[in-house]
Amino acid sequence: RASKIDTLLSTLSRRGCRFVFHTKIYNHLLELLDHK
């Protein structure tokens, strides 16, 4: 589901949201995605 989560967070970013990530989920998602 990493790509779907990426899509959601990218959409929210474009709508003006900013994020405070918990370290564990942030690192996990970066490991799964093939792009920045």
ModelCIF file with pLDDT and N, C-alpha, C, O atoms, coordinates in Angstrom:
data_MODEL
#
_entry.id   MODEL 
#
_entity.id                         1 
_entity.type                       polymer 
_entity.pdbx_number_of_molecules   1 
#
_entity_poly.entity_id                      1 
_entity_poly.type                           'polypeptide(L)' 
_entity_poly.nstd_linkage                   no 
_entity_poly.nstd_monomer                   no 
_entity_poly.pdbx_seq_one_letter_code       RASKIDTLLSTLSRRGCRFVFHTKIYNHLLELLDHK 
_entity_poly.pdbx_seq_one_letter_code_can   RASKIDTLLSTLSRRGCRFVFHTKIYNHLLELLDHK 
_entity_poly.pdbx_strand_id                 A 
#
loop_
_entity_poly_seq.entity_id 
_entity_poly_seq.num 
_entity_poly_seq.mon_id 
_entity_poly_seq.hetero 
1 1  ARG n 
1 2  ALA n 
1 3  SER n 
1 4  LYS n 
1 5  ILE n 
1 6  ASP n 
1 7  THR n 
1 8  LEU n 
1 9  LEU n 
1 10 SER n 
1 11 THR n 
1 12 LEU n 
1 13 SER n 
1 14 ARG n 
1 15 ARG n 
1 16 GLY n 
1 17 CYS n 
1 18 ARG n 
1 19 PHE n 
1 20 VAL n 
1 21 PHE n 
1 22 HIS n 
1 23 THR n 
1 24 LYS n 
1 25 ILE n 
1 26 TYR n 
1 27 ASN n 
1 28 HIS n 
1 29 LEU n 
1 30 LEU n 
1 31 GLU n 
1 32 LEU n 
1 33 LEU n 
1 34 ASP n 
1 35 HIS n 
1 36 LYS n 
#
_struct_asym.id          A 
_struct_asym.entity_id   1 
#
loop_
_ma_qa_metric.id 
_ma_qa_metric.mode 
_ma_qa_metric.name 
_ma_qa_metric.software_group_id 
_ma_qa_metric.type 
1 global pLDDT . pLDDT 
2 local  pLDDT . pLDDT 
#
_ma_qa_metric_global.metric_id      1 
_ma_qa_metric_global.metric_value   95.17 
_ma_qa_metric_global.model_id       1 
_ma_qa_metric_global.ordinal_id     1 
#
loop_
_ma_qa_metric_local.label_asym_id 
_ma_qa_metric_local.label_comp_id 
_ma_qa_metric_local.label_seq_id 
_ma_qa_metric_local.metric_id 
_ma_qa_metric_local.metric_value 
_ma_qa_metric_local.model_id 
_ma_qa_metric_local.ordinal_id 
A ARG 1  2 91.00 1 1  
A ALA 2  2 94.00 1 2  
A SER 3  2 94.00 1 3  
A LYS 4  2 95.00 1 4  
A ILE 5  2 95.00 1 5  
A ASP 6  2 96.00 1 6  
A THR 7  2 95.00 1 7  
A LEU 8  2 96.00 1 8  
A LEU 9  2 96.00 1 9  
A SER 10 2 96.00 1 10 
A THR 11 2 96.00 1 11 
A LEU 12 2 96.00 1 12 
A SER 13 2 96.00 1 13 
A ARG 14 2 95.00 1 14 
A ARG 15 2 94.00 1 15 
A GLY 16 2 93.00 1 16 
A CYS 17 2 96.00 1 17 
A ARG 18 2 97.00 1 18 
A PHE 19 2 98.00 1 19 
A VAL 20 2 98.00 1 20 
A PHE 21 2 97.00 1 21 
A HIS 22 2 97.00 1 22 
A THR 23 2 97.00 1 23 
A LYS 24 2 96.00 1 24 
A ILE 25 2 96.00 1 25 
A TYR 26 2 96.00 1 26 
A ASN 27 2 96.00 1 27 
A HIS 28 2 96.00 1 28 
A LEU 29 2 96.00 1 29 
A LEU 30 2 95.00 1 30 
A GLU 31 2 95.00 1 31 
A LEU 32 2 95.00 1 32 
A LEU 33 2 94.00 1 33 
A ASP 34 2 90.00 1 34 
A HIS 35 2 92.00 1 35 
A LYS 36 2 91.00 1 36 
#
loop_
_atom_site.group_PDB 
_atom_site.id 
_atom_site.type_symbol 
_atom_site.label_atom_id 
_atom_site.label_alt_id 
_atom_site.label_comp_id 
_atom_site.label_asym_id 
_atom_site.label_entity_id 
_atom_site.label_seq_id 
_atom_site.pdbx_PDB_ins_code 
_atom_site.Cartn_x 
_atom_site.Cartn_y 
_atom_site.Cartn_z 
_atom_site.occupancy 
_atom_site.B_iso_or_equiv 
_atom_site.pdbx_formal_charge 
_atom_site.auth_seq_id 
_atom_site.auth_comp_id 
_atom_site.auth_asym_id 
_atom_site.auth_atom_id 
_atom_site.pdbx_PDB_model_num 
ATOM 1   N N  . ARG A 1 1  ? 0.811  -1.223 0.000  1.00 91.00 ? 1  ARG A N  1 
ATOM 2   C CA . ARG A 1 1  ? 0.000  0.000  0.000  1.00 91.00 ? 1  ARG A CA 1 
ATOM 3   C C  . ARG A 1 1  ? 0.841  1.267  0.000  1.00 91.00 ? 1  ARG A C  1 
ATOM 4   O O  . ARG A 1 1  ? 0.296  2.369  0.080  1.00 91.00 ? 1  ARG A O  1 
ATOM 5   N N  . ALA A 1 2  ? 2.145  1.130  -0.087 1.00 94.00 ? 2  ALA A N  1 
ATOM 6   C CA . ALA A 1 2  ? 3.027  2.295  0.003  1.00 94.00 ? 2  ALA A CA 1 
ATOM 7   C C  . ALA A 1 2  ? 2.715  3.335  -1.078 1.00 94.00 ? 2  ALA A C  1 
ATOM 8   O O  . ALA A 1 2  ? 2.720  4.534  -0.800 1.00 94.00 ? 2  ALA A O  1 
ATOM 9   N N  . SER A 1 3  ? 2.441  2.881  -2.319 1.00 94.00 ? 3  SER A N  1 
ATOM 10  C CA . SER A 1 3  ? 2.168  3.833  -3.402 1.00 94.00 ? 3  SER A CA 1 
ATOM 11  C C  . SER A 1 3  ? 0.875  4.599  -3.156 1.00 94.00 ? 3  SER A C  1 
ATOM 12  O O  . SER A 1 3  ? 0.778  5.782  -3.484 1.00 94.00 ? 3  SER A O  1 
ATOM 13  N N  . LYS A 1 4  ? -0.121 3.925  -2.577 1.00 95.00 ? 4  LYS A N  1 
ATOM 14  C CA . LYS A 1 4  ? -1.381 4.602  -2.267 1.00 95.00 ? 4  LYS A CA 1 
ATOM 15  C C  . LYS A 1 4  ? -1.186 5.627  -1.154 1.00 95.00 ? 4  LYS A C  1 
ATOM 16  O O  . LYS A 1 4  ? -1.759 6.716  -1.197 1.00 95.00 ? 4  LYS A O  1 
ATOM 17  N N  . ILE A 1 5  ? -0.380 5.276  -0.164 1.00 95.00 ? 5  ILE A N  1 
ATOM 18  C CA . ILE A 1 5  ? -0.093 6.223  0.918  1.00 95.00 ? 5  ILE A CA 1 
ATOM 19  C C  . ILE A 1 5  ? 0.676  7.416  0.369  1.00 95.00 ? 5  ILE A C  1 
ATOM 20  O O  . ILE A 1 5  ? 0.411  8.558  0.745  1.00 95.00 ? 5  ILE A O  1 
ATOM 21  N N  . ASP A 1 6  ? 1.622  7.154  -0.516 1.00 96.00 ? 6  ASP A N  1 
ATOM 22  C CA . ASP A 1 6  ? 2.379  8.230  -1.156 1.00 96.00 ? 6  ASP A CA 1 
ATOM 23  C C  . ASP A 1 6  ? 1.442  9.170  -1.905 1.00 96.00 ? 6  ASP A C  1 
ATOM 24  O O  . ASP A 1 6  ? 1.576  10.390 -1.809 1.00 96.00 ? 6  ASP A O  1 
ATOM 25  N N  . THR A 1 7  ? 0.491  8.602  -2.653 1.00 95.00 ? 7  THR A N  1 
ATOM 26  C CA . THR A 1 7  ? -0.468 9.419  -3.396 1.00 95.00 ? 7  THR A CA 1 
ATOM 27  C C  . THR A 1 7  ? -1.288 10.294 -2.457 1.00 95.00 ? 7  THR A C  1 
ATOM 28  O O  . THR A 1 7  ? -1.500 11.476 -2.727 1.00 95.00 ? 7  THR A O  1 
ATOM 29  N N  . LEU A 1 8  ? -1.746 9.711  -1.356 1.00 96.00 ? 8  LEU A N  1 
ATOM 30  C CA . LEU A 1 8  ? -2.535 10.459 -0.383 1.00 96.00 ? 8  LEU A CA 1 
ATOM 31  C C  . LEU A 1 8  ? -1.734 11.616 0.202  1.00 96.00 ? 8  LEU A C  1 
ATOM 32  O O  . LEU A 1 8  ? -2.219 12.746 0.250  1.00 96.00 ? 8  LEU A O  1 
ATOM 33  N N  . LEU A 1 9  ? -0.516 11.341 0.646  1.00 96.00 ? 9  LEU A N  1 
ATOM 34  C CA . LEU A 1 9  ? 0.287  12.383 1.282  1.00 96.00 ? 9  LEU A CA 1 
ATOM 35  C C  . LEU A 1 9  ? 0.709  13.457 0.283  1.00 96.00 ? 9  LEU A C  1 
ATOM 36  O O  . LEU A 1 9  ? 0.800  14.632 0.638  1.00 96.00 ? 9  LEU A O  1 
ATOM 37  N N  . SER A 1 10 ? 0.965  13.063 -0.956 1.00 96.00 ? 10 SER A N  1 
ATOM 38  C CA . SER A 1 10 ? 1.310  14.046 -1.994 1.00 96.00 ? 10 SER A CA 1 
ATOM 39  C C  . SER A 1 10 ? 0.110  14.949 -2.288 1.00 96.00 ? 10 SER A C  1 
ATOM 40  O O  . SER A 1 10 ? 0.264  16.158 -2.460 1.00 96.00 ? 10 SER A O  1 
ATOM 41  N N  . THR A 1 11 ? -1.088 14.351 -2.343 1.00 96.00 ? 11 THR A N  1 
ATOM 42  C CA . THR A 1 11 ? -2.301 15.142 -2.572 1.00 96.00 ? 11 THR A CA 1 
ATOM 43  C C  . THR A 1 11 ? -2.520 16.136 -1.446 1.00 96.00 ? 11 THR A C  1 
ATOM 44  O O  . THR A 1 11 ? -2.832 17.300 -1.695 1.00 96.00 ? 11 THR A O  1 
ATOM 45  N N  . LEU A 1 12 ? -2.360 15.683 -0.211 1.00 96.00 ? 12 LEU A N  1 
ATOM 46  C CA . LEU A 1 12 ? -2.526 16.571 0.940  1.00 96.00 ? 12 LEU A CA 1 
ATOM 47  C C  . LEU A 1 12 ? -1.477 17.683 0.936  1.00 96.00 ? 12 LEU A C  1 
ATOM 48  O O  . LEU A 1 12 ? -1.770 18.818 1.309  1.00 96.00 ? 12 LEU A O  1 
ATOM 49  N N  . SER A 1 13 ? -0.258 17.356 0.514  1.00 96.00 ? 13 SER A N  1 
ATOM 50  C CA . SER A 1 13 ? 0.793  18.381 0.433  1.00 96.00 ? 13 SER A CA 1 
ATOM 51  C C  . SER A 1 13 ? 0.413  19.460 -0.563 1.00 96.00 ? 13 SER A C  1 
ATOM 52  O O  . SER A 1 13 ? 0.594  20.647 -0.294 1.00 96.00 ? 13 SER A O  1 
ATOM 53  N N  . ARG A 1 14 ? -0.114 19.058 -1.715 1.00 95.00 ? 14 ARG A N  1 
ATOM 54  C CA . ARG A 1 14 ? -0.521 20.034 -2.722 1.00 95.00 ? 14 ARG A CA 1 
ATOM 55  C C  . ARG A 1 14 ? -1.678 20.891 -2.246 1.00 95.00 ? 14 ARG A C  1 
ATOM 56  O O  . ARG A 1 14 ? -1.850 22.025 -2.692 1.00 95.00 ? 14 ARG A O  1 
ATOM 57  N N  . ARG A 1 15 ? -2.474 20.339 -1.333 1.00 94.00 ? 15 ARG A N  1 
ATOM 58  C CA . ARG A 1 15 ? -3.607 21.105 -0.780 1.00 94.00 ? 15 ARG A CA 1 
ATOM 59  C C  . ARG A 1 15 ? -3.196 21.990 0.395  1.00 94.00 ? 15 ARG A C  1 
ATOM 60  O O  . ARG A 1 15 ? -4.034 22.655 1.004  1.00 94.00 ? 15 ARG A O  1 
ATOM 61  N N  . GLY A 1 16 ? -1.900 21.991 0.708  1.00 93.00 ? 16 GLY A N  1 
ATOM 62  C CA . GLY A 1 16 ? -1.409 22.911 1.729  1.00 93.00 ? 16 GLY A CA 1 
ATOM 63  C C  . GLY A 1 16 ? -1.104 22.288 3.074  1.00 93.00 ? 16 GLY A C  1 
ATOM 64  O O  . GLY A 1 16 ? -0.840 23.013 4.033  1.00 93.00 ? 16 GLY A O  1 
ATOM 65  N N  . CYS A 1 17 ? -1.129 20.972 3.179  1.00 96.00 ? 17 CYS A N  1 
ATOM 66  C CA . CYS A 1 17 ? -0.811 20.318 4.447  1.00 96.00 ? 17 CYS A CA 1 
ATOM 67  C C  . CYS A 1 17 ? 0.704  20.172 4.607  1.00 96.00 ? 17 CYS A C  1 
ATOM 68  O O  . CYS A 1 17 ? 1.446  20.064 3.630  1.00 96.00 ? 17 CYS A O  1 
ATOM 69  N N  . ARG A 1 18 ? 1.129  20.172 5.845  1.00 97.00 ? 18 ARG A N  1 
ATOM 70  C CA . ARG A 1 18 ? 2.507  19.807 6.158  1.00 97.00 ? 18 ARG A CA 1 
ATOM 71  C C  . ARG A 1 18 ? 2.468  18.720 7.227  1.00 97.00 ? 18 ARG A C  1 
ATOM 72  O O  . ARG A 1 18 ? 1.483  18.584 7.953  1.00 97.00 ? 18 ARG A O  1 
ATOM 73  N N  . PHE A 1 19 ? 3.544  17.953 7.313  1.00 98.00 ? 19 PHE A N  1 
ATOM 74  C CA . PHE A 1 19 ? 3.488  16.734 8.116  1.00 98.00 ? 19 PHE A CA 1 
ATOM 75  C C  . PHE A 1 19 ? 4.551  16.679 9.202  1.00 98.00 ? 19 PHE A C  1 
ATOM 76  O O  . PHE A 1 19 ? 5.697  17.088 9.018  1.00 98.00 ? 19 PHE A O  1 
ATOM 77  N N  . VAL A 1 20 ? 4.114  16.152 10.348 1.00 98.00 ? 20 VAL A N  1 
ATOM 78  C CA . VAL A 1 20 ? 5.021  15.703 11.400 1.00 98.00 ? 20 VAL A CA 1 
ATOM 79  C C  . VAL A 1 20 ? 4.979  14.182 11.363 1.00 98.00 ? 20 VAL A C  1 
ATOM 80  O O  . VAL A 1 20 ? 3.974  13.586 11.748 1.00 98.00 ? 20 VAL A O  1 
ATOM 81  N N  . PHE A 1 21 ? 6.047  13.548 10.911 1.00 97.00 ? 21 PHE A N  1 
ATOM 82  C CA . PHE A 1 21 ? 6.099  12.096 10.782 1.00 97.00 ? 21 PHE A CA 1 
ATOM 83  C C  . PHE A 1 21 ? 6.677  11.467 12.041 1.00 97.00 ? 21 PHE A C  1 
ATOM 84  O O  . PHE A 1 21 ? 7.617  11.991 12.638 1.00 97.00 ? 21 PHE A O  1 
ATOM 85  N N  . HIS A 1 22 ? 6.095  10.323 12.440 1.00 97.00 ? 22 HIS A N  1 
ATOM 86  C CA . HIS A 1 22 ? 6.809  9.491  13.396 1.00 97.00 ? 22 HIS A CA 1 
ATOM 87  C C  . HIS A 1 22 ? 7.946  8.822  12.635 1.00 97.00 ? 22 HIS A C  1 
ATOM 88  O O  . HIS A 1 22 ? 7.771  8.396  11.494 1.00 97.00 ? 22 HIS A O  1 
ATOM 89  N N  . THR A 1 23 ? 9.100  8.730  13.265 1.00 97.00 ? 23 THR A N  1 
ATOM 90  C CA . THR A 1 23 ? 10.311 8.245  12.603 1.00 97.00 ? 23 THR A CA 1 
ATOM 91  C C  . THR A 1 23 ? 10.127 6.882  11.952 1.00 97.00 ? 23 THR A C  1 
ATOM 92  O O  . THR A 1 23 ? 10.590 6.662  10.834 1.00 97.00 ? 23 THR A O  1 
ATOM 93  N N  . LYS A 1 24 ? 9.456  5.968  12.640 1.00 96.00 ? 24 LYS A N  1 
ATOM 94  C CA . LYS A 1 24 ? 9.373  4.589  12.151 1.00 96.00 ? 24 LYS A CA 1 
ATOM 95  C C  . LYS A 1 24 ? 8.586  4.486  10.854 1.00 96.00 ? 24 LYS A C  1 
ATOM 96  O O  . LYS A 1 24 ? 9.023  3.802  9.929  1.00 96.00 ? 24 LYS A O  1 
ATOM 97  N N  . ILE A 1 25 ? 7.422  5.157  10.760 1.00 96.00 ? 25 ILE A N  1 
ATOM 98  C CA . ILE A 1 25 ? 6.635  5.056  9.537  1.00 96.00 ? 25 ILE A CA 1 
ATOM 99  C C  . ILE A 1 25 ? 7.319  5.820  8.405  1.00 96.00 ? 25 ILE A C  1 
ATOM 100 O O  . ILE A 1 25 ? 7.247  5.410  7.247  1.00 96.00 ? 25 ILE A O  1 
ATOM 101 N N  . TYR A 1 26 ? 7.982  6.927  8.735  1.00 96.00 ? 26 TYR A N  1 
ATOM 102 C CA . TYR A 1 26 ? 8.689  7.696  7.703  1.00 96.00 ? 26 TYR A CA 1 
ATOM 103 C C  . TYR A 1 26 ? 9.787  6.845  7.060  1.00 96.00 ? 26 TYR A C  1 
ATOM 104 O O  . TYR A 1 26 ? 9.863  6.754  5.834  1.00 96.00 ? 26 TYR A O  1 
ATOM 105 N N  . ASN A 1 27 ? 10.625 6.229  7.873  1.00 96.00 ? 27 ASN A N  1 
ATOM 106 C CA . ASN A 1 27 ? 11.710 5.404  7.338  1.00 96.00 ? 27 ASN A CA 1 
ATOM 107 C C  . ASN A 1 27 ? 11.174 4.192  6.584  1.00 96.00 ? 27 ASN A C  1 
ATOM 108 O O  . ASN A 1 27 ? 11.734 3.788  5.565  1.00 96.00 ? 27 ASN A O  1 
ATOM 109 N N  . HIS A 1 28 ? 10.090 3.618  7.091  1.00 96.00 ? 28 HIS A N  1 
ATOM 110 C CA . HIS A 1 28 ? 9.496  2.453  6.424  1.00 96.00 ? 28 HIS A CA 1 
ATOM 111 C C  . HIS A 1 28 ? 9.009  2.808  5.022  1.00 96.00 ? 28 HIS A C  1 
ATOM 112 O O  . HIS A 1 28 ? 9.256  2.069  4.070  1.00 96.00 ? 28 HIS A O  1 
ATOM 113 N N  . LEU A 1 29 ? 8.323  3.930  4.898  1.00 96.00 ? 29 LEU A N  1 
ATOM 114 C CA . LEU A 1 29 ? 7.809  4.336  3.591  1.00 96.00 ? 29 LEU A CA 1 
ATOM 115 C C  . LEU A 1 29 ? 8.944  4.662  2.621  1.00 96.00 ? 29 LEU A C  1 
ATOM 116 O O  . LEU A 1 29 ? 8.863  4.331  1.438  1.00 96.00 ? 29 LEU A O  1 
ATOM 117 N N  . LEU A 1 30 ? 10.002 5.310  3.117  1.00 95.00 ? 30 LEU A N  1 
ATOM 118 C CA . LEU A 1 30 ? 11.133 5.623  2.233  1.00 95.00 ? 30 LEU A CA 1 
ATOM 119 C C  . LEU A 1 30 ? 11.787 4.361  1.710  1.00 95.00 ? 30 LEU A C  1 
ATOM 120 O O  . LEU A 1 30 ? 12.251 4.332  0.570  1.00 95.00 ? 30 LEU A O  1 
ATOM 121 N N  . GLU A 1 31 ? 11.833 3.307  2.532  1.00 95.00 ? 31 GLU A N  1 
ATOM 122 C CA . GLU A 1 31 ? 12.411 2.045  2.092  1.00 95.00 ? 31 GLU A CA 1 
ATOM 123 C C  . GLU A 1 31 ? 11.573 1.388  0.994  1.00 95.00 ? 31 GLU A C  1 
ATOM 124 O O  . GLU A 1 31 ? 12.115 0.693  0.134  1.00 95.00 ? 31 GLU A O  1 
ATOM 125 N N  . LEU A 1 32 ? 10.265 1.603  1.018  1.00 95.00 ? 32 LEU A N  1 
ATOM 126 C CA . LEU A 1 32 ? 9.369  0.938  0.076  1.00 95.00 ? 32 LEU A CA 1 
ATOM 127 C C  . LEU A 1 32 ? 9.230  1.680  -1.248 1.00 95.00 ? 32 LEU A C  1 
ATOM 128 O O  . LEU A 1 32 ? 8.970  1.061  -2.279 1.00 95.00 ? 32 LEU A O  1 
ATOM 129 N N  . LEU A 1 33 ? 9.401  2.995  -1.228 1.00 94.00 ? 33 LEU A N  1 
ATOM 130 C CA . LEU A 1 33 ? 9.194  3.787  -2.440 1.00 94.00 ? 33 LEU A CA 1 
ATOM 131 C C  . LEU A 1 33 ? 10.465 3.818  -3.287 1.00 94.00 ? 33 LEU A C  1 
ATOM 132 O O  . LEU A 1 33 ? 11.576 3.807  -2.756 1.00 94.00 ? 33 LEU A O  1 
ATOM 133 N N  . ASP A 1 34 ? 10.291 3.856  -4.605 1.00 90.00 ? 34 ASP A N  1 
ATOM 134 C CA . ASP A 1 34 ? 11.437 3.870  -5.516 1.00 90.00 ? 34 ASP A CA 1 
ATOM 135 C C  . ASP A 1 34 ? 11.744 5.276  -6.015 1.00 90.00 ? 34 ASP A C  1 
ATOM 136 O O  . ASP A 1 34 ? 12.437 5.442  -7.018 1.00 90.00 ? 34 ASP A O  1 
ATOM 137 N N  . HIS A 1 35 ? 11.232 6.291  -5.320 1.00 92.00 ? 35 HIS A N  1 
ATOM 138 C CA . HIS A 1 35 ? 11.486 7.667  -5.709 1.00 92.00 ? 35 HIS A CA 1 
ATOM 139 C C  . HIS A 1 35 ? 11.444 8.547  -4.456 1.00 92.00 ? 35 HIS A C  1 
ATOM 140 O O  . HIS A 1 35 ? 10.959 8.128  -3.405 1.00 92.00 ? 35 HIS A O  1 
ATOM 141 N N  . LYS A 1 36 ? 11.949 9.742  -4.583 1.00 91.00 ? 36 LYS A N  1 
ATOM 142 C CA . LYS A 1 36 ? 11.896 10.687 -3.478 1.00 91.00 ? 36 LYS A CA 1 
ATOM 143 C C  . LYS A 1 36 ? 10.516 11.336 -3.447 1.00 91.00 ? 36 LYS A C  1 
ATOM 144 O O  . LYS A 1 36 ? 10.247 12.174 -2.587 1.00 91.00 ? 36 LYS A O  1 
#
